[in-house]
Amino acid sequence: MPELVVPDCHVPALCVHHPFKKPHGNSHLRRHAATQTDNALLRGVRALGERAAAELEERLCALSRITLSPSRIGDIVRAALVLNRLWK
């Protein structure tokens, strides 16, 4: 699987993976089975990341409508984090 490595970075976790596409104009060609598997795994990881980002955006939007003192908002955020851990 190809990787774009961050310059001067030797940590494999910081590498960016990207899916392979079919060549243009060659609709009759199939990708290799390993490439298809890699693409499926990347789609699954991307879906999890997009879902997490959407949930975070939704929660921040809900918190932006609250007009309470900062200490009270902290209590609400702590309760939301507890509920979030129970939910997952």
PDB file of N, CA and C in Angstrom:
ATOM      1  N   MET A   1       0.845  -1.166   0.000  1.00  0.00           N
ATOM      2  CA  MET A   1       0.000   0.000   0.000  1.00  0.00           C
ATOM      3  C   MET A   1       0.899   1.241   0.000  1.00  0.00           C
ATOM      4  N   PRO A   2       0.709   2.176  -0.923  1.00  0.00           N
ATOM      5  CA  PRO A   2       1.578   3.351  -0.978  1.00  0.00           C
ATOM      6  C   PRO A   2       1.310   4.297   0.182  1.00  0.00           C
ATOM      7  N   GLU A   3       2.321   5.016   0.574  1.00  0.00           N
ATOM      8  CA  GLU A   3       2.196   5.920   1.711  1.00  0.00           C
ATOM      9  C   GLU A   3       2.819   7.262   1.376  1.00  0.00           C
ATOM     10  N   LEU A   4       2.179   8.312   1.833  1.00  0.00           N
ATOM     11  CA  LEU A   4       2.779   9.634   1.791  1.00  0.00           C
ATOM     12  C   LEU A   4       3.317   9.892   3.181  1.00  0.00           C
ATOM     13  N   VAL A   5       4.596   9.947   3.318  1.00  0.00           N
ATOM     14  CA  VAL A   5       5.208  10.098   4.632  1.00  0.00           C
ATOM     15  C   VAL A   5       5.476  11.572   4.892  1.00  0.00           C
ATOM     16  N   VAL A   6       5.186  11.998   6.094  1.00  0.00           N
ATOM     17  CA  VAL A   6       5.479  13.364   6.502  1.00  0.00           C
ATOM     18  C   VAL A   6       6.997  13.531   6.496  1.00  0.00           C
ATOM     19  N   PRO A   7       7.522  14.615   5.898  1.00  0.00           N
ATOM     20  CA  PRO A   7       8.977  14.790   5.858  1.00  0.00           C
ATOM     21  C   PRO A   7       9.592  14.789   7.260  1.00  0.00           C
ATOM     22  N   ASP A   8      10.736  14.181   7.382  1.00  0.00           N
ATOM     23  CA  ASP A   8      11.464  14.080   8.656  1.00  0.00           C
ATOM     24  C   ASP A   8      10.655  13.361   9.727  1.00  0.00           C
ATOM     25  N   CYS A   9       9.778  12.487   9.312  1.00  0.00           N
ATOM     26  CA  CYS A   9       8.947  11.749  10.264  1.00  0.00           C
ATOM     27  C   CYS A   9       9.244  10.266  10.100  1.00  0.00           C
ATOM     28  N   HIS A  10       9.548   9.608  11.178  1.00  0.00           N
ATOM     29  CA  HIS A  10       9.881   8.191  11.120  1.00  0.00           C
ATOM     30  C   HIS A  10       8.856   7.356  11.879  1.00  0.00           C
ATOM     31  N   VAL A  11       7.672   7.906  12.084  1.00  0.00           N
ATOM     32  CA  VAL A  11       6.617   7.202  12.803  1.00  0.00           C
ATOM     33  C   VAL A  11       5.617   6.682  11.778  1.00  0.00           C
ATOM     34  N   PRO A  12       5.449   5.349  11.635  1.00  0.00           N
ATOM     35  CA  PRO A  12       4.545   4.825  10.617  1.00  0.00           C
ATOM     36  C   PRO A  12       3.088   5.221  10.833  1.00  0.00           C
ATOM     37  N   ALA A  13       2.699   5.541  12.065  1.00  0.00           N
ATOM     38  CA  ALA A  13       1.304   5.899  12.328  1.00  0.00           C
ATOM     39  C   ALA A  13       0.930   7.231  11.693  1.00  0.00           C
ATOM     40  N   LEU A  14       1.921   8.056  11.357  1.00  0.00           N
ATOM     41  CA  LEU A  14       1.637   9.357  10.767  1.00  0.00           C
ATOM     42  C   LEU A  14       1.639   9.322   9.245  1.00  0.00           C
ATOM     43  N   CYS A  15       1.653   8.152   8.663  1.00  0.00           N
ATOM     44  CA  CYS A  15       1.635   8.023   7.211  1.00  0.00           C
ATOM     45  C   CYS A  15       0.195   8.101   6.714  1.00  0.00           C
ATOM     46  N   VAL A  16       0.036   8.626   5.525  1.00  0.00           N
ATOM     47  CA  VAL A  16      -1.292   8.778   4.935  1.00  0.00           C
ATOM     48  C   VAL A  16      -1.449   7.738   3.834  1.00  0.00           C
ATOM     49  N   HIS A  17      -2.491   6.948   3.909  1.00  0.00           N
ATOM     50  CA  HIS A  17      -2.778   5.945   2.887  1.00  0.00           C
ATOM     51  C   HIS A  17      -3.881   6.479   1.987  1.00  0.00           C
ATOM     52  N   HIS A  18      -3.856   6.107   0.726  1.00  0.00           N
ATOM     53  CA  HIS A  18      -4.906   6.542  -0.188  1.00  0.00           C
ATOM     54  C   HIS A  18      -5.312   5.355  -1.057  1.00  0.00           C
ATOM     55  N   PRO A  19      -6.580   5.315  -1.494  1.00  0.00           N
ATOM     56  CA  PRO A  19      -7.042   4.197  -2.315  1.00  0.00           C
ATOM     57  C   PRO A  19      -6.526   4.302  -3.752  1.00  0.00           C
ATOM     58  N   PHE A  20      -6.444   3.164  -4.413  1.00  0.00           N
ATOM     59  CA  PHE A  20      -6.071   3.114  -5.822  1.00  0.00           C
ATOM     60  C   PHE A  20      -7.332   3.178  -6.670  1.00  0.00           C
ATOM     61  N   LYS A  21      -7.258   3.885  -7.775  1.00  0.00           N
ATOM     62  CA  LYS A  21      -8.362   3.937  -8.727  1.00  0.00           C
ATOM     63  C   LYS A  21      -7.994   3.100  -9.944  1.00  0.00           C
ATOM     64  N   LYS A  22      -9.033   2.729 -10.706  1.00  0.00           N
ATOM     65  CA  LYS A  22      -8.781   2.057 -11.975  1.00  0.00           C
ATOM     66  C   LYS A  22      -8.194   3.056 -12.953  1.00  0.00           C
ATOM     67  N   PRO A  23      -7.378   2.594 -13.898  1.00  0.00           N
ATOM     68  CA  PRO A  23      -6.879   3.509 -14.920  1.00  0.00           C
ATOM     69  C   PRO A  23      -8.030   4.011 -15.795  1.00  0.00           C
ATOM     70  N   HIS A  24      -7.974   5.266 -16.203  1.00  0.00           N
ATOM     71  CA  HIS A  24      -9.025   5.827 -17.050  1.00  0.00           C
ATOM     72  C   HIS A  24      -9.026   5.144 -18.412  1.00  0.00           C
ATOM     73  N   GLY A  25     -10.209   4.906 -18.934  1.00  0.00           N
ATOM     74  CA  GLY A  25     -10.334   4.316 -20.256  1.00  0.00           C
ATOM     75  C   GLY A  25     -10.143   2.814 -20.288  1.00  0.00           C
ATOM     76  N   ASN A  26      -9.907   2.186 -19.165  1.00  0.00           N
ATOM     77  CA  ASN A  26      -9.711   0.735 -19.112  1.00  0.00           C
ATOM     78  C   ASN A  26     -10.749   0.110 -18.200  1.00  0.00           C
ATOM     79  N   SER A  27     -12.016   0.254 -18.552  1.00  0.00           N
ATOM     80  CA  SER A  27     -13.073  -0.257 -17.680  1.00  0.00           C
ATOM     81  C   SER A  27     -13.092  -1.784 -17.655  1.00  0.00           C
ATOM     82  N   HIS A  28     -12.468  -2.427 -18.641  1.00  0.00           N
ATOM     83  CA  HIS A  28     -12.462  -3.886 -18.675  1.00  0.00           C
ATOM     84  C   HIS A  28     -11.407  -4.479 -17.728  1.00  0.00           C
ATOM     85  N   LEU A  29     -10.467  -3.662 -17.275  1.00  0.00           N
ATOM     86  CA  LEU A  29      -9.434  -4.152 -16.365  1.00  0.00           C
ATOM     87  C   LEU A  29      -9.951  -4.163 -14.933  1.00  0.00           C
ATOM     88  N   ARG A  30      -9.555  -5.172 -14.187  1.00  0.00           N
ATOM     89  CA  ARG A  30      -9.926  -5.247 -12.775  1.00  0.00           C
ATOM     90  C   ARG A  30      -8.695  -4.979 -11.936  1.00  0.00           C
ATOM     91  N   ARG A  31      -8.936  -4.416 -10.758  1.00  0.00           N
ATOM     92  CA  ARG A  31      -7.824  -4.224  -9.830  1.00  0.00           C
ATOM     93  C   ARG A  31      -7.455  -5.569  -9.210  1.00  0.00           C
ATOM     94  N   HIS A  32      -6.236  -5.664  -8.754  1.00  0.00           N
ATOM     95  CA  HIS A  32      -5.755  -6.870  -8.090  1.00  0.00           C
ATOM     96  C   HIS A  32      -6.560  -7.085  -6.810  1.00  0.00           C
ATOM     97  N   ALA A  33      -6.724  -8.329  -6.383  1.00  0.00           N
ATOM     98  CA  ALA A  33      -7.520  -8.641  -5.191  1.00  0.00           C
ATOM     99  C   ALA A  33      -6.956  -7.959  -3.949  1.00  0.00           C
ATOM    100  N   ALA A  34      -5.631  -7.890  -3.842  1.00  0.00           N
ATOM    101  CA  ALA A  34      -5.022  -7.227  -2.680  1.00  0.00           C
ATOM    102  C   ALA A  34      -5.340  -5.735  -2.679  1.00  0.00           C
ATOM    103  N   THR A  35      -5.358  -5.132  -3.866  1.00  0.00           N
ATOM    104  CA  THR A  35      -5.691  -3.709  -3.965  1.00  0.00           C
ATOM    105  C   THR A  35      -7.140  -3.476  -3.577  1.00  0.00           C
ATOM    106  N   GLN A  36      -8.028  -4.365  -4.015  1.00  0.00           N
ATOM    107  CA  GLN A  36      -9.442  -4.238  -3.647  1.00  0.00           C
ATOM    108  C   GLN A  36      -9.626  -4.369  -2.142  1.00  0.00           C
ATOM    109  N   THR A  37      -8.893  -5.281  -1.525  1.00  0.00           N
ATOM    110  CA  THR A  37      -8.971  -5.455  -0.071  1.00  0.00           C
ATOM    111  C   THR A  37      -8.458  -4.215   0.653  1.00  0.00           C
ATOM    112  N   ASP A  38      -7.331  -3.680   0.184  1.00  0.00           N
ATOM    113  CA  ASP A  38      -6.786  -2.460   0.790  1.00  0.00           C
ATOM    114  C   ASP A  38      -7.784  -1.313   0.687  1.00  0.00           C
ATOM    115  N   ASN A  39      -8.406  -1.169  -0.488  1.00  0.00           N
ATOM    116  CA  ASN A  39      -9.383  -0.096  -0.678  1.00  0.00           C
ATOM    117  C   ASN A  39     -10.589  -0.276   0.246  1.00  0.00           C
ATOM    118  N   ALA A  40     -11.023  -1.521   0.435  1.00  0.00           N
ATOM    119  CA  ALA A  40     -12.158  -1.771   1.328  1.00  0.00           C
ATOM    120  C   ALA A  40     -11.803  -1.403   2.768  1.00  0.00           C
ATOM    121  N   LEU A  41     -10.593  -1.745   3.199  1.00  0.00           N
ATOM    122  CA  LEU A  41     -10.165  -1.385   4.556  1.00  0.00           C
ATOM    123  C   LEU A  41     -10.084   0.130   4.727  1.00  0.00           C
ATOM    124  N   LEU A  42      -9.560   0.812   3.718  1.00  0.00           N
ATOM    125  CA  LEU A  42      -9.474   2.274   3.790  1.00  0.00           C
ATOM    126  C   LEU A  42     -10.857   2.910   3.836  1.00  0.00           C
ATOM    127  N   ARG A  43     -11.809   2.354   3.078  1.00  0.00           N
ATOM    128  CA  ARG A  43     -13.183   2.881   3.118  1.00  0.00           C
ATOM    129  C   ARG A  43     -13.772   2.736   4.513  1.00  0.00           C
ATOM    130  N   GLY A  44     -13.516   1.595   5.154  1.00  0.00           N
ATOM    131  CA  GLY A  44     -14.038   1.377   6.499  1.00  0.00           C
ATOM    132  C   GLY A  44     -13.461   2.348   7.511  1.00  0.00           C
ATOM    133  N   VAL A  45     -12.162   2.578   7.433  1.00  0.00           N
ATOM    134  CA  VAL A  45     -11.517   3.519   8.360  1.00  0.00           C
ATOM    135  C   VAL A  45     -12.013   4.937   8.098  1.00  0.00           C
ATOM    136  N   ARG A  46     -12.135   5.294   6.816  1.00  0.00           N
ATOM    137  CA  ARG A  46     -12.603   6.636   6.475  1.00  0.00           C
ATOM    138  C   ARG A  46     -14.032   6.847   6.975  1.00  0.00           C
ATOM    139  N   ALA A  47     -14.878   5.810   6.865  1.00  0.00           N
ATOM    140  CA  ALA A  47     -16.256   5.931   7.333  1.00  0.00           C
ATOM    141  C   ALA A  47     -16.302   6.180   8.837  1.00  0.00           C
ATOM    142  N   LEU A  48     -15.447   5.485   9.593  1.00  0.00           N
ATOM    143  CA  LEU A  48     -15.409   5.704  11.043  1.00  0.00           C
ATOM    144  C   LEU A  48     -14.972   7.126  11.370  1.00  0.00           C
ATOM    145  N   GLY A  49     -13.964   7.616  10.669  1.00  0.00           N
ATOM    146  CA  GLY A  49     -13.480   8.976  10.907  1.00  0.00           C
ATOM    147  C   GLY A  49     -14.516  10.023  10.555  1.00  0.00           C
ATOM    148  N   GLU A  50     -15.221   9.821   9.438  1.00  0.00           N
ATOM    149  CA  GLU A  50     -16.248  10.785   9.047  1.00  0.00           C
ATOM    150  C   GLU A  50     -17.403  10.781  10.037  1.00  0.00           C
ATOM    151  N   ARG A  51     -17.759   9.602  10.543  1.00  0.00           N
ATOM    152  CA  ARG A  51     -18.837   9.503  11.533  1.00  0.00           C
ATOM    153  C   ARG A  51     -18.446  10.222  12.822  1.00  0.00           C
ATOM    154  N   ALA A  52     -17.217  10.027  13.269  1.00  0.00           N
ATOM    155  CA  ALA A  52     -16.750  10.691  14.490  1.00  0.00           C
ATOM    156  C   ALA A  52     -16.733  12.206  14.314  1.00  0.00           C
ATOM    157  N   ALA A  53     -16.300  12.676  13.152  1.00  0.00           N
ATOM    158  CA  ALA A  53     -16.274  14.118  12.898  1.00  0.00           C
ATOM    159  C   ALA A  53     -17.685  14.692  12.868  1.00  0.00           C
ATOM    160  N   ALA A  54     -18.625  13.954  12.295  1.00  0.00           N
ATOM    161  CA  ALA A  54     -20.009  14.424  12.245  1.00  0.00           C
ATOM    162  C   ALA A  54     -20.616  14.501  13.644  1.00  0.00           C
ATOM    163  N   GLU A  55     -20.341  13.494  14.478  1.00  0.00           N
ATOM    164  CA  GLU A  55     -20.864  13.519  15.845  1.00  0.00           C
ATOM    165  C   GLU A  55     -20.275  14.679  16.638  1.00  0.00           C
ATOM    166  N   LEU A  56     -18.983  14.922  16.479  1.00  0.00           N
ATOM    167  CA  LEU A  56     -18.339  16.025  17.180  1.00  0.00           C
ATOM    168  C   LEU A  56     -18.930  17.357  16.742  1.00  0.00           C
ATOM    169  N   GLU A  57     -19.136  17.522  15.446  1.00  0.00           N
ATOM    170  CA  GLU A  57     -19.715  18.764  14.938  1.00  0.00           C
ATOM    171  C   GLU A  57     -21.136  18.968  15.473  1.00  0.00           C
ATOM    172  N   GLU A  58     -21.900  17.885  15.533  1.00  0.00           N
ATOM    173  CA  GLU A  58     -23.269  17.960  16.051  1.00  0.00           C
ATOM    174  C   GLU A  58     -23.277  18.369  17.524  1.00  0.00           C
ATOM    175  N   ARG A  59     -22.381  17.795  18.305  1.00  0.00           N
ATOM    176  CA  ARG A  59     -22.327  18.127  19.732  1.00  0.00           C
ATOM    177  C   ARG A  59     -21.861  19.563  19.953  1.00  0.00           C
ATOM    178  N   LEU A  60     -20.882  20.013  19.170  1.00  0.00           N
ATOM    179  CA  LEU A  60     -20.420  21.391  19.311  1.00  0.00           C
ATOM    180  C   LEU A  60     -21.505  22.376  18.916  1.00  0.00           C
ATOM    181  N   CYS A  61     -22.286  22.026  17.911  1.00  0.00           N
ATOM    182  CA  CYS A  61     -23.398  22.883  17.494  1.00  0.00           C
ATOM    183  C   CYS A  61     -24.428  22.984  18.618  1.00  0.00           C
ATOM    184  N   ALA A  62     -24.707  21.855  19.271  1.00  0.00           N
ATOM    185  CA  ALA A  62     -25.660  21.870  20.382  1.00  0.00           C
ATOM    186  C   ALA A  62     -25.122  22.691  21.546  1.00  0.00           C
ATOM    187  N   LEU A  63     -23.822  22.578  21.826  1.00  0.00           N
ATOM    188  CA  LEU A  63     -23.239  23.332  22.935  1.00  0.00           C
ATOM    189  C   LEU A  63     -23.169  24.826  22.640  1.00  0.00           C
ATOM    190  N   SER A  64     -23.101  25.198  21.373  1.00  0.00           N
ATOM    191  CA  SER A  64     -23.006  26.627  21.045  1.00  0.00           C
ATOM    192  C   SER A  64     -24.302  27.365  21.355  1.00  0.00           C
ATOM    193  N   ARG A  65     -25.415  26.645  21.453  1.00  0.00           N
ATOM    194  CA  ARG A  65     -26.704  27.279  21.750  1.00  0.00           C
ATOM    195  C   ARG A  65     -26.939  27.473  23.245  1.00  0.00           C
ATOM    196  N   ILE A  66     -26.062  26.950  24.079  1.00  0.00           N
ATOM    197  CA  ILE A  66     -26.240  27.044  25.526  1.00  0.00           C
ATOM    198  C   ILE A  66     -25.708  28.386  26.015  1.00  0.00           C
ATOM    199  N   THR A  67     -26.520  29.072  26.804  1.00  0.00           N
ATOM    200  CA  THR A  67     -26.093  30.361  27.374  1.00  0.00           C
ATOM    201  C   THR A  67     -26.084  30.238  28.891  1.00  0.00           C
ATOM    202  N   LEU A  68     -25.048  29.617  29.403  1.00  0.00           N
ATOM    203  CA  LEU A  68     -24.875  29.450  30.843  1.00  0.00           C
ATOM    204  C   LEU A  68     -23.496  29.954  31.229  1.00  0.00           C
ATOM    205  N   SER A  69     -23.237  29.943  32.506  1.00  0.00           N
ATOM    206  CA  SER A  69     -21.903  30.328  32.967  1.00  0.00           C
ATOM    207  C   SER A  69     -20.895  29.259  32.536  1.00  0.00           C
ATOM    208  N   PRO A  70     -19.639  29.631  32.351  1.00  0.00           N
ATOM    209  CA  PRO A  70     -18.630  28.655  31.905  1.00  0.00           C
ATOM    210  C   PRO A  70     -18.498  27.439  32.821  1.00  0.00           C
ATOM    211  N   SER A  71     -18.632  27.625  34.124  1.00  0.00           N
ATOM    212  CA  SER A  71     -18.506  26.473  35.020  1.00  0.00           C
ATOM    213  C   SER A  71     -19.667  25.503  34.821  1.00  0.00           C
ATOM    214  N   ARG A  72     -20.838  26.024  34.554  1.00  0.00           N
ATOM    215  CA  ARG A  72     -22.009  25.167  34.332  1.00  0.00           C
ATOM    216  C   ARG A  72     -21.879  24.408  33.007  1.00  0.00           C
ATOM    217  N   ILE A  73     -21.344  25.080  31.997  1.00  0.00           N
ATOM    218  CA  ILE A  73     -21.132  24.411  30.714  1.00  0.00           C
ATOM    219  C   ILE A  73     -20.130  23.271  30.887  1.00  0.00           C
ATOM    220  N   GLY A  74     -19.115  23.472  31.728  1.00  0.00           N
ATOM    221  CA  GLY A  74     -18.148  22.408  32.002  1.00  0.00           C
ATOM    222  C   GLY A  74     -18.817  21.188  32.599  1.00  0.00           C
ATOM    223  N   ASP A  75     -19.783  21.398  33.498  1.00  0.00           N
ATOM    224  CA  ASP A  75     -20.526  20.276  34.074  1.00  0.00           C
ATOM    225  C   ASP A  75     -21.304  19.527  32.997  1.00  0.00           C
ATOM    226  N   ILE A  76     -21.922  20.281  32.100  1.00  0.00           N
ATOM    227  CA  ILE A  76     -22.703  19.662  31.022  1.00  0.00           C
ATOM    228  C   ILE A  76     -21.789  18.867  30.093  1.00  0.00           C
ATOM    229  N   VAL A  77     -20.623  19.421  29.783  1.00  0.00           N
ATOM    230  CA  VAL A  77     -19.677  18.722  28.906  1.00  0.00           C
ATOM    231  C   VAL A  77     -19.181  17.447  29.572  1.00  0.00           C
ATOM    232  N   ARG A  78     -18.885  17.504  30.866  1.00  0.00           N
ATOM    233  CA  ARG A  78     -18.447  16.295  31.576  1.00  0.00           C
ATOM    234  C   ARG A  78     -19.543  15.229  31.551  1.00  0.00           C
ATOM    235  N   ALA A  79     -20.784  15.632  31.765  1.00  0.00           N
ATOM    236  CA  ALA A  79     -21.890  14.675  31.719  1.00  0.00           C
ATOM    237  C   ALA A  79     -22.045  14.091  30.314  1.00  0.00           C
ATOM    238  N   ALA A  80     -21.876  14.934  29.291  1.00  0.00           N
ATOM    239  CA  ALA A  80     -21.980  14.446  27.911  1.00  0.00           C
ATOM    240  C   ALA A  80     -20.879  13.437  27.601  1.00  0.00           C
ATOM    241  N   LEU A  81     -19.669  13.681  28.108  1.00  0.00           N
ATOM    242  CA  LEU A  81     -18.576  12.735  27.883  1.00  0.00           C
ATOM    243  C   LEU A  81     -18.843  11.401  28.566  1.00  0.00           C
ATOM    244  N   VAL A  82     -19.409  11.440  29.766  1.00  0.00           N
ATOM    245  CA  VAL A  82     -19.747  10.199  30.468  1.00  0.00           C
ATOM    246  C   VAL A  82     -20.796   9.433  29.680  1.00  0.00           C
ATOM    247  N   LEU A  83     -21.842  10.137  29.223  1.00  0.00           N
ATOM    248  CA  LEU A  83     -22.888   9.478  28.443  1.00  0.00           C
ATOM    249  C   LEU A  83     -22.333   8.942  27.127  1.00  0.00           C
ATOM    250  N   ASN A  84     -21.418   9.673  26.524  1.00  0.00           N
ATOM    251  CA  ASN A  84     -20.827   9.231  25.266  1.00  0.00           C
ATOM    252  C   ASN A  84     -20.040   7.938  25.460  1.00  0.00           C
ATOM    253  N   ARG A  85     -19.310   7.832  26.557  1.00  0.00           N
ATOM    254  CA  ARG A  85     -18.554   6.602  26.824  1.00  0.00           C
ATOM    255  C   ARG A  85     -19.498   5.433  27.082  1.00  0.00           C
ATOM    256  N   LEU A  86     -20.619   5.687  27.755  1.00  0.00           N
ATOM    257  CA  LEU A  86     -21.591   4.626  28.004  1.00  0.00           C
ATOM    258  C   LEU A  86     -22.271   4.201  26.713  1.00  0.00           C
ATOM    259  N   TRP A  87     -22.524   5.176  25.835  1.00  0.00           N
ATOM    260  CA  TRP A  87     -23.229   4.897  24.587  1.00  0.00           C
ATOM    261  C   TRP A  87     -22.379   4.043  23.663  1.00  0.00           C
ATOM    262  N   LYS A  88     -21.068   4.321  23.624  1.00  0.00           N
ATOM    263  CA  LYS A  88     -20.198   3.566  22.720  1.00  0.00           C
ATOM    264  C   LYS A  88     -19.785   2.298  23.409  1.00  0.00           C
TER     265      LYS A  88
END
